[in-house]
Structure formats: structure tokens, C-alpha cells
Amino acid sequence: MMVTSEEMFKKDIASWPKEARIWLKPGIQKYAVVKYIDGVPKVQYLGAQNLTDRQIEAF
């Protein structure tokens, strides 16, 4: 089964398969887009790829 990094970042790292956790390295930069919906912050994007302004505006 193939899983993209974007799909993996959406999951809690503790739930990752042991085989995937061995590749984790500290200090890797991740990017997030957080939007407040009804006063509650909701993560719209979390990943290793920096987004363009146009991509961010789509959220």
C-alpha cells in the first residue's frame, strides 16, 4: 500500500506503523494552515511542502 507524506502528516505520529516511524528525523520543518471556524482553530493543511499564496487563499 502506498501512502503519501501528506496523508501520513494528517495522522498522529504515534499511530504511524513502526516501519514508518524509523524515518522520522527531528528538526524537519513542517508548514500549517490553521483557520478559525466558529472560534475554534481547525488545521486545514499540515505538511512538509510550503504552499504558494494562491494555495493558502484556497483554504
PDB file of N, CA and C in Angstrom:
ATOM      1  N   MET A   1       0.838  -1.176   0.000  1.00  0.00           N
ATOM      2  CA  MET A   1       0.000   0.000   0.000  1.00  0.00           C
ATOM      3  C   MET A   1       0.883   1.238   0.000  1.00  0.00           C
ATOM      4  N   MET A   2       0.638   2.162  -0.906  1.00  0.00           N
ATOM      5  CA  MET A   2       1.387   3.413  -0.976  1.00  0.00           C
ATOM      6  C   MET A   2       0.622   4.499  -0.238  1.00  0.00           C
ATOM      7  N   VAL A   3       1.319   5.251   0.578  1.00  0.00           N
ATOM      8  CA  VAL A   3       0.731   6.365   1.306  1.00  0.00           C
ATOM      9  C   VAL A   3       1.623   7.572   1.076  1.00  0.00           C
ATOM     10  N   THR A   4       1.034   8.708   0.747  1.00  0.00           N
ATOM     11  CA  THR A   4       1.833   9.906   0.526  1.00  0.00           C
ATOM     12  C   THR A   4       2.208  10.530   1.866  1.00  0.00           C
ATOM     13  N   SER A   5       3.235  11.379   1.831  1.00  0.00           N
ATOM     14  CA  SER A   5       3.645  12.058   3.062  1.00  0.00           C
ATOM     15  C   SER A   5       2.527  12.947   3.578  1.00  0.00           C
ATOM     16  N   GLU A   6       1.756  13.532   2.671  1.00  0.00           N
ATOM     17  CA  GLU A   6       0.645  14.389   3.100  1.00  0.00           C
ATOM     18  C   GLU A   6      -0.382  13.589   3.895  1.00  0.00           C
ATOM     19  N   GLU A   7      -0.666  12.372   3.467  1.00  0.00           N
ATOM     20  CA  GLU A   7      -1.613  11.525   4.189  1.00  0.00           C
ATOM     21  C   GLU A   7      -1.054  11.135   5.554  1.00  0.00           C
ATOM     22  N   MET A   8       0.235  10.863   5.607  1.00  0.00           N
ATOM     23  CA  MET A   8       0.856  10.474   6.872  1.00  0.00           C
ATOM     24  C   MET A   8       0.878  11.631   7.858  1.00  0.00           C
ATOM     25  N   PHE A   9       1.130  12.857   7.388  1.00  0.00           N
ATOM     26  CA  PHE A   9       1.183  14.006   8.286  1.00  0.00           C
ATOM     27  C   PHE A   9      -0.168  14.315   8.900  1.00  0.00           C
ATOM     28  N   LYS A  10      -1.241  13.869   8.271  1.00  0.00           N
ATOM     29  CA  LYS A  10      -2.575  14.111   8.816  1.00  0.00           C
ATOM     30  C   LYS A  10      -2.848  13.225  10.029  1.00  0.00           C
ATOM     31  N   LYS A  11      -2.068  12.168  10.192  1.00  0.00           N
ATOM     32  CA  LYS A  11      -2.266  11.227  11.289  1.00  0.00           C
ATOM     33  C   LYS A  11      -1.339  11.581  12.450  1.00  0.00           C
ATOM     34  N   ASP A  12      -1.742  11.203  13.639  1.00  0.00           N
ATOM     35  CA  ASP A  12      -0.879  11.346  14.807  1.00  0.00           C
ATOM     36  C   ASP A  12       0.322  10.426  14.616  1.00  0.00           C
ATOM     37  N   ILE A  13       1.513  10.955  14.846  1.00  0.00           N
ATOM     38  CA  ILE A  13       2.743  10.182  14.609  1.00  0.00           C
ATOM     39  C   ILE A  13       2.751   8.886  15.409  1.00  0.00           C
ATOM     40  N   ALA A  14       2.184   8.898  16.605  1.00  0.00           N
ATOM     41  CA  ALA A  14       2.149   7.683  17.427  1.00  0.00           C
ATOM     42  C   ALA A  14       1.362   6.556  16.751  1.00  0.00           C
ATOM     43  N   SER A  15       0.468   6.906  15.823  1.00  0.00           N
ATOM     44  CA  SER A  15      -0.329   5.874  15.154  1.00  0.00           C
ATOM     45  C   SER A  15       0.335   5.362  13.875  1.00  0.00           C
ATOM     46  N   TRP A  16       1.469   5.966  13.500  1.00  0.00           N
ATOM     47  CA  TRP A  16       2.180   5.517  12.303  1.00  0.00           C
ATOM     48  C   TRP A  16       2.708   4.097  12.517  1.00  0.00           C
ATOM     49  N   PRO A  17       2.783   3.296  11.470  1.00  0.00           N
ATOM     50  CA  PRO A  17       3.385   1.959  11.599  1.00  0.00           C
ATOM     51  C   PRO A  17       4.854   2.088  12.023  1.00  0.00           C
ATOM     52  N   LYS A  18       5.329   1.126  12.766  1.00  0.00           N
ATOM     53  CA  LYS A  18       6.715   1.153  13.255  1.00  0.00           C
ATOM     54  C   LYS A  18       7.704   1.327  12.098  1.00  0.00           C
ATOM     55  N   GLU A  19       7.405   0.708  10.965  1.00  0.00           N
ATOM     56  CA  GLU A  19       8.297   0.795   9.810  1.00  0.00           C
ATOM     57  C   GLU A  19       8.410   2.233   9.294  1.00  0.00           C
ATOM     58  N   ALA A  20       7.366   3.025   9.463  1.00  0.00           N
ATOM     59  CA  ALA A  20       7.385   4.413   9.005  1.00  0.00           C
ATOM     60  C   ALA A  20       8.061   5.325  10.021  1.00  0.00           C
ATOM     61  N   ARG A  21       7.907   5.030  11.298  1.00  0.00           N
ATOM     62  CA  ARG A  21       8.471   5.900  12.339  1.00  0.00           C
ATOM     63  C   ARG A  21       9.992   5.916  12.341  1.00  0.00           C
ATOM     64  N   ILE A  22      10.635   4.878  11.820  1.00  0.00           N
ATOM     65  CA  ILE A  22      12.098   4.865  11.812  1.00  0.00           C
ATOM     66  C   ILE A  22      12.657   5.954  10.905  1.00  0.00           C
ATOM     67  N   TRP A  23      11.843   6.471   9.990  1.00  0.00           N
ATOM     68  CA  TRP A  23      12.303   7.508   9.064  1.00  0.00           C
ATOM     69  C   TRP A  23      12.132   8.916   9.617  1.00  0.00           C
ATOM     70  N   LEU A  24      11.506   9.034  10.778  1.00  0.00           N
ATOM     71  CA  LEU A  24      11.301  10.360  11.369  1.00  0.00           C
ATOM     72  C   LEU A  24      12.634  10.950  11.809  1.00  0.00           C
ATOM     73  N   LYS A  25      12.799  12.194  11.530  1.00  0.00           N
ATOM     74  CA  LYS A  25      14.010  12.903  11.924  1.00  0.00           C
ATOM     75  C   LYS A  25      13.602  14.179  12.648  1.00  0.00           C
ATOM     76  N   PRO A  26      14.255  14.502  13.756  1.00  0.00           N
ATOM     77  CA  PRO A  26      13.909  15.739  14.463  1.00  0.00           C
ATOM     78  C   PRO A  26      14.356  16.958  13.659  1.00  0.00           C
ATOM     79  N   GLY A  27      13.641  18.055  13.834  1.00  0.00           N
ATOM     80  CA  GLY A  27      14.039  19.306  13.222  1.00  0.00           C
ATOM     81  C   GLY A  27      13.604  19.512  11.786  1.00  0.00           C
ATOM     82  N   ILE A  28      12.776  18.630  11.237  1.00  0.00           N
ATOM     83  CA  ILE A  28      12.287  18.809   9.872  1.00  0.00           C
ATOM     84  C   ILE A  28      11.152  19.827   9.913  1.00  0.00           C
ATOM     85  N   GLN A  29      11.263  20.813   9.071  1.00  0.00           N
ATOM     86  CA  GLN A  29      10.274  21.884   9.051  1.00  0.00           C
ATOM     87  C   GLN A  29       8.974  21.407   8.426  1.00  0.00           C
ATOM     88  N   LYS A  30       7.852  21.744   9.075  1.00  0.00           N
ATOM     89  CA  LYS A  30       6.531  21.465   8.530  1.00  0.00           C
ATOM     90  C   LYS A  30       5.764  22.776   8.465  1.00  0.00           C
ATOM     91  N   TYR A  31       4.813  22.837   7.597  1.00  0.00           N
ATOM     92  CA  TYR A  31       4.001  24.024   7.399  1.00  0.00           C
ATOM     93  C   TYR A  31       2.559  23.699   7.753  1.00  0.00           C
ATOM     94  N   ALA A  32       1.858  24.698   8.274  1.00  0.00           N
ATOM     95  CA  ALA A  32       0.464  24.503   8.655  1.00  0.00           C
ATOM     96  C   ALA A  32      -0.363  25.696   8.216  1.00  0.00           C
ATOM     97  N   VAL A  33      -1.602  25.402   7.854  1.00  0.00           N
ATOM     98  CA  VAL A  33      -2.606  26.432   7.615  1.00  0.00           C
ATOM     99  C   VAL A  33      -3.709  26.150   8.627  1.00  0.00           C
ATOM    100  N   VAL A  34      -3.957  27.125   9.483  1.00  0.00           N
ATOM    101  CA  VAL A  34      -4.979  26.981  10.526  1.00  0.00           C
ATOM    102  C   VAL A  34      -6.046  28.045  10.291  1.00  0.00           C
ATOM    103  N   LYS A  35      -7.290  27.614  10.332  1.00  0.00           N
ATOM    104  CA  LYS A  35      -8.410  28.524  10.106  1.00  0.00           C
ATOM    105  C   LYS A  35      -9.342  28.436  11.316  1.00  0.00           C
ATOM    106  N   TYR A  36      -9.754  29.590  11.811  1.00  0.00           N
ATOM    107  CA  TYR A  36     -10.711  29.612  12.913  1.00  0.00           C
ATOM    108  C   TYR A  36     -12.122  29.466  12.348  1.00  0.00           C
ATOM    109  N   ILE A  37     -12.816  28.433  12.804  1.00  0.00           N
ATOM    110  CA  ILE A  37     -14.191  28.170  12.386  1.00  0.00           C
ATOM    111  C   ILE A  37     -15.034  28.154  13.653  1.00  0.00           C
ATOM    112  N   ASP A  38     -15.966  29.086  13.750  1.00  0.00           N
ATOM    113  CA  ASP A  38     -16.806  29.230  14.951  1.00  0.00           C
ATOM    114  C   ASP A  38     -15.944  29.399  16.203  1.00  0.00           C
ATOM    115  N   GLY A  39     -14.836  30.136  16.058  1.00  0.00           N
ATOM    116  CA  GLY A  39     -13.953  30.414  17.197  1.00  0.00           C
ATOM    117  C   GLY A  39     -13.023  29.278  17.581  1.00  0.00           C
ATOM    118  N   VAL A  40     -13.059  28.198  16.829  1.00  0.00           N
ATOM    119  CA  VAL A  40     -12.225  27.034  17.132  1.00  0.00           C
ATOM    120  C   VAL A  40     -11.185  26.866  16.023  1.00  0.00           C
ATOM    121  N   PRO A  41      -9.893  26.761  16.370  1.00  0.00           N
ATOM    122  CA  PRO A  41      -8.886  26.572  15.322  1.00  0.00           C
ATOM    123  C   PRO A  41      -8.974  25.181  14.702  1.00  0.00           C
ATOM    124  N   LYS A  42      -8.988  25.136  13.383  1.00  0.00           N
ATOM    125  CA  LYS A  42      -9.033  23.872  12.641  1.00  0.00           C
ATOM    126  C   LYS A  42      -7.852  23.837  11.683  1.00  0.00           C
ATOM    127  N   VAL A  43      -7.096  22.767  11.724  1.00  0.00           N
ATOM    128  CA  VAL A  43      -5.955  22.617  10.818  1.00  0.00           C
ATOM    129  C   VAL A  43      -6.487  22.273   9.434  1.00  0.00           C
ATOM    130  N   GLN A  44      -6.179  23.130   8.478  1.00  0.00           N
ATOM    131  CA  GLN A  44      -6.616  22.914   7.103  1.00  0.00           C
ATOM    132  C   GLN A  44      -5.541  22.206   6.290  1.00  0.00           C
ATOM    133  N   TYR A  45      -4.284  22.409   6.673  1.00  0.00           N
ATOM    134  CA  TYR A  45      -3.156  21.802   5.963  1.00  0.00           C
ATOM    135  C   TYR A  45      -2.021  21.623   6.945  1.00  0.00           C
ATOM    136  N   LEU A  46      -1.350  20.489   6.881  1.00  0.00           N
ATOM    137  CA  LEU A  46      -0.145  20.225   7.648  1.00  0.00           C
ATOM    138  C   LEU A  46       0.734  19.347   6.785  1.00  0.00           C
ATOM    139  N   GLY A  47       1.890  19.856   6.406  1.00  0.00           N
ATOM    140  CA  GLY A  47       2.751  19.077   5.528  1.00  0.00           C
ATOM    141  C   GLY A  47       4.143  19.649   5.411  1.00  0.00           C
ATOM    142  N   ALA A  48       4.985  18.952   4.695  1.00  0.00           N
ATOM    143  CA  ALA A  48       6.375  19.347   4.530  1.00  0.00           C
ATOM    144  C   ALA A  48       6.572  20.325   3.374  1.00  0.00           C
ATOM    145  N   GLN A  49       5.564  20.470   2.546  1.00  0.00           N
ATOM    146  CA  GLN A  49       5.676  21.340   1.380  1.00  0.00           C
ATOM    147  C   GLN A  49       5.126  22.725   1.708  1.00  0.00           C
ATOM    148  N   ASN A  50       5.931  23.754   1.436  1.00  0.00           N
ATOM    149  CA  ASN A  50       5.482  25.122   1.602  1.00  0.00           C
ATOM    150  C   ASN A  50       4.456  25.424   0.510  1.00  0.00           C
ATOM    151  N   LEU A  51       3.386  26.111   0.869  1.00  0.00           N
ATOM    152  CA  LEU A  51       2.337  26.411  -0.091  1.00  0.00           C
ATOM    153  C   LEU A  51       2.529  27.798  -0.688  1.00  0.00           C
ATOM    154  N   THR A  52       2.005  27.976  -1.878  1.00  0.00           N
ATOM    155  CA  THR A  52       2.018  29.293  -2.503  1.00  0.00           C
ATOM    156  C   THR A  52       0.879  30.129  -1.889  1.00  0.00           C
ATOM    157  N   ASP A  53       0.939  31.444  -2.078  1.00  0.00           N
ATOM    158  CA  ASP A  53      -0.129  32.310  -1.575  1.00  0.00           C
ATOM    159  C   ASP A  53      -1.477  31.882  -2.155  1.00  0.00           C
ATOM    160  N   ARG A  54      -1.499  31.523  -3.421  1.00  0.00           N
ATOM    161  CA  ARG A  54      -2.749  31.103  -4.068  1.00  0.00           C
ATOM    162  C   ARG A  54      -3.312  29.839  -3.411  1.00  0.00           C
ATOM    163  N   GLN A  55      -2.443  28.881  -3.097  1.00  0.00           N
ATOM    164  CA  GLN A  55      -2.895  27.658  -2.435  1.00  0.00           C
ATOM    165  C   GLN A  55      -3.440  27.959  -1.047  1.00  0.00           C
ATOM    166  N   ILE A  56      -2.774  28.850  -0.328  1.00  0.00           N
ATOM    167  CA  ILE A  56      -3.224  29.199   1.020  1.00  0.00           C
ATOM    168  C   ILE A  56      -4.586  29.892   0.959  1.00  0.00           C
ATOM    169  N   GLU A  57      -4.753  30.787   0.019  1.00  0.00           N
ATOM    170  CA  GLU A  57      -6.016  31.516  -0.126  1.00  0.00           C
ATOM    171  C   GLU A  57      -7.185  30.586  -0.421  1.00  0.00           C
ATOM    172  N   ALA A  58      -6.916  29.427  -1.011  1.00  0.00           N
ATOM    173  CA  ALA A  58      -7.983  28.471  -1.330  1.00  0.00           C
ATOM    174  C   ALA A  58      -8.641  27.898  -0.065  1.00  0.00           C
ATOM    175  N   PHE A  59      -7.932  27.976   1.048  1.00  0.00           N
ATOM    176  CA  PHE A  59      -8.491  27.453   2.298  1.00  0.00           C
ATOM    177  C   PHE A  59      -9.441  28.470   2.897  1.00  0.00           C
TER     178      PHE A  59
END
